[in-house]
Amino acid sequence: MKTIDFQEILDAQAAGQQVLCIDVREAYRRASLDAGGWKIPYNRLGRQVELLAPYRDWLTVICCLRPTGSQRTALAVEILQKQGFADVRELKNGLYQGWIQQVGRQVKLPAPAQRVEI
């Protein structure tokens, strides 16, 4: 599975690339930490195909609190790749170590203006 770090996400945005970050943790797990992005639990991702279809060509970053190699992110990446998403990656080092400790709590993970929480 391909990974991406915080700086690569910021660089992609600065270069004008469209980026969609999806936090795939369940609601009770994300209650203590909101790093931005869309909130779609990994076990509901497959049911959101129509909602996600317009973003198939975007750089898509799957996020979880665990540092890398979480079962949640692996399943989410697989689901999106089967739906034709071209560039799906896992956030390297997870939400806390890989994003918040690097950029702070005020900088949120990128996502389209429409906020989605499921």
Protein backbone atom coordinates (compact mmCIF):
# COMPACT_ATOMS: atom_id res chain seq x y z
CA MET A 1 0.00 0.00 0.00
CA LYS A 2 1.33 3.42 -0.93
CA THR A 3 1.75 5.99 1.83
CA ILE A 4 1.94 9.77 1.86
CA ASP A 5 3.27 12.08 4.56
CA PHE A 6 2.05 15.46 5.74
CA GLN A 7 4.53 17.43 3.63
CA GLU A 8 3.56 15.60 0.44
CA ILE A 9 -0.10 16.43 1.12
CA LEU A 10 0.69 20.10 1.69
CA ASP A 11 2.90 20.17 -1.43
CA ALA A 12 0.18 18.55 -3.56
CA GLN A 13 -2.31 21.17 -2.40
CA ALA A 14 0.13 24.00 -3.04
CA ALA A 15 0.64 22.66 -6.57
CA GLY A 16 -3.11 22.80 -7.16
CA GLN A 17 -3.77 19.07 -6.95
CA GLN A 18 -7.20 18.12 -5.63
CA VAL A 19 -6.88 16.17 -2.35
CA LEU A 20 -9.55 14.24 -0.47
CA CYS A 21 -8.68 12.91 2.99
CA ILE A 22 -11.01 10.38 4.59
CA ASP A 23 -10.87 9.55 8.30
CA VAL A 24 -12.02 5.92 8.38
CA ARG A 25 -12.32 5.52 12.15
CA GLU A 26 -15.68 4.78 13.73
CA ALA A 27 -17.47 7.75 15.35
CA TYR A 28 -16.66 6.69 18.90
CA ARG A 29 -12.95 6.51 18.01
CA ARG A 30 -12.83 9.96 16.46
CA ALA A 31 -14.60 11.71 19.34
CA SER A 32 -11.31 12.66 20.98
CA LEU A 33 -9.42 13.74 17.87
CA ASP A 34 -10.73 15.63 14.83
CA ALA A 35 -8.01 16.29 12.31
CA GLY A 36 -10.35 17.32 9.49
CA GLY A 37 -11.18 15.54 6.26
CA TRP A 38 -14.34 13.59 5.62
CA LYS A 39 -15.47 11.11 8.25
CA ILE A 40 -16.61 7.85 6.71
CA PRO A 41 -15.99 4.70 8.77
CA TYR A 42 -14.16 2.01 6.82
CA ASN A 43 -17.08 -0.41 7.23
CA ARG A 44 -19.48 2.06 5.55
CA LEU A 45 -17.21 3.23 2.76
CA GLY A 46 -18.50 0.74 0.21
CA ARG A 47 -22.04 2.08 0.67
CA GLN A 48 -20.96 5.62 -0.21
CA VAL A 49 -19.91 4.92 -3.81
CA GLU A 50 -22.27 7.48 -5.34
CA LEU A 51 -21.16 10.17 -2.90
CA LEU A 52 -17.49 9.47 -3.63
CA ALA A 53 -17.74 8.98 -7.42
CA PRO A 54 -16.92 12.62 -8.36
CA TYR A 55 -13.57 12.31 -6.55
CA ARG A 56 -12.15 9.25 -8.32
CA ASP A 57 -9.43 11.30 -10.01
CA TRP A 58 -8.35 13.12 -6.86
CA LEU A 59 -5.43 12.16 -4.67
CA THR A 60 -7.25 10.25 -1.93
CA VAL A 61 -5.65 9.85 1.49
CA ILE A 62 -7.02 7.30 3.94
CA CYS A 63 -6.45 8.25 7.57
CA CYS A 64 -6.57 6.39 10.85
CA LEU A 65 -5.04 7.09 14.24
CA ARG A 66 -2.71 4.10 14.06
CA PRO A 67 0.74 4.80 12.68
CA THR A 68 0.69 2.75 9.46
CA GLY A 69 -0.63 -0.59 8.36
CA SER A 70 -3.99 -0.47 10.11
CA GLN A 71 -6.58 -3.00 9.02
CA ARG A 72 -9.07 -0.13 8.66
CA THR A 73 -6.93 1.73 6.16
CA ALA A 74 -6.04 -1.43 4.24
CA LEU A 75 -9.73 -2.30 3.80
CA ALA A 76 -10.61 1.28 2.84
CA VAL A 77 -7.83 1.45 0.23
CA GLU A 78 -9.00 -1.85 -1.25
CA ILE A 79 -12.63 -0.68 -1.43
CA LEU A 80 -11.72 2.56 -3.18
CA GLN A 81 -9.34 0.93 -5.63
CA LYS A 82 -12.10 -1.52 -6.62
CA GLN A 83 -14.33 1.51 -7.27
CA GLY A 84 -11.80 2.94 -9.72
CA PHE A 85 -9.98 5.45 -7.55
CA ALA A 86 -6.65 5.99 -9.29
CA ASP A 87 -4.42 7.30 -6.50
CA VAL A 88 -5.29 6.08 -3.00
CA ARG A 89 -2.70 6.29 -0.24
CA GLU A 90 -2.46 5.81 3.50
CA LEU A 91 -1.41 8.72 5.74
CA LYS A 92 2.07 7.82 6.93
CA ASN A 93 2.39 7.62 10.74
CA GLY A 94 -1.33 8.11 11.36
CA LEU A 95 -3.43 11.11 12.34
CA TYR A 96 -1.67 12.05 15.55
CA GLN A 97 2.00 11.41 14.79
CA GLY A 98 1.75 11.94 11.05
CA TRP A 99 -0.46 15.03 10.92
CA ILE A 100 -1.23 16.79 14.22
CA GLN A 101 2.29 16.55 15.66
CA GLN A 102 3.64 17.85 12.35
CA VAL A 103 1.26 20.69 11.42
CA GLY A 104 -0.73 21.36 14.61
CA ARG A 105 -4.39 21.03 15.51
CA GLN A 106 -5.44 24.17 13.63
CA VAL A 107 -4.49 22.83 10.19
CA LYS A 108 -7.16 20.39 9.06
CA LEU A 109 -6.78 17.57 6.56
CA PRO A 110 -8.00 18.66 3.13
CA ALA A 111 -11.35 17.64 1.69
CA PRO A 112 -13.92 19.16 -0.64
CA ALA A 113 -15.93 22.03 0.80
CA GLN A 114 -18.89 19.75 1.36
CA ARG A 115 -18.37 18.17 4.80
CA VAL A 116 -19.35 14.57 5.13
CA GLU A 117 -19.75 12.71 8.39
CA ILE A 118 -21.31 9.29 8.47
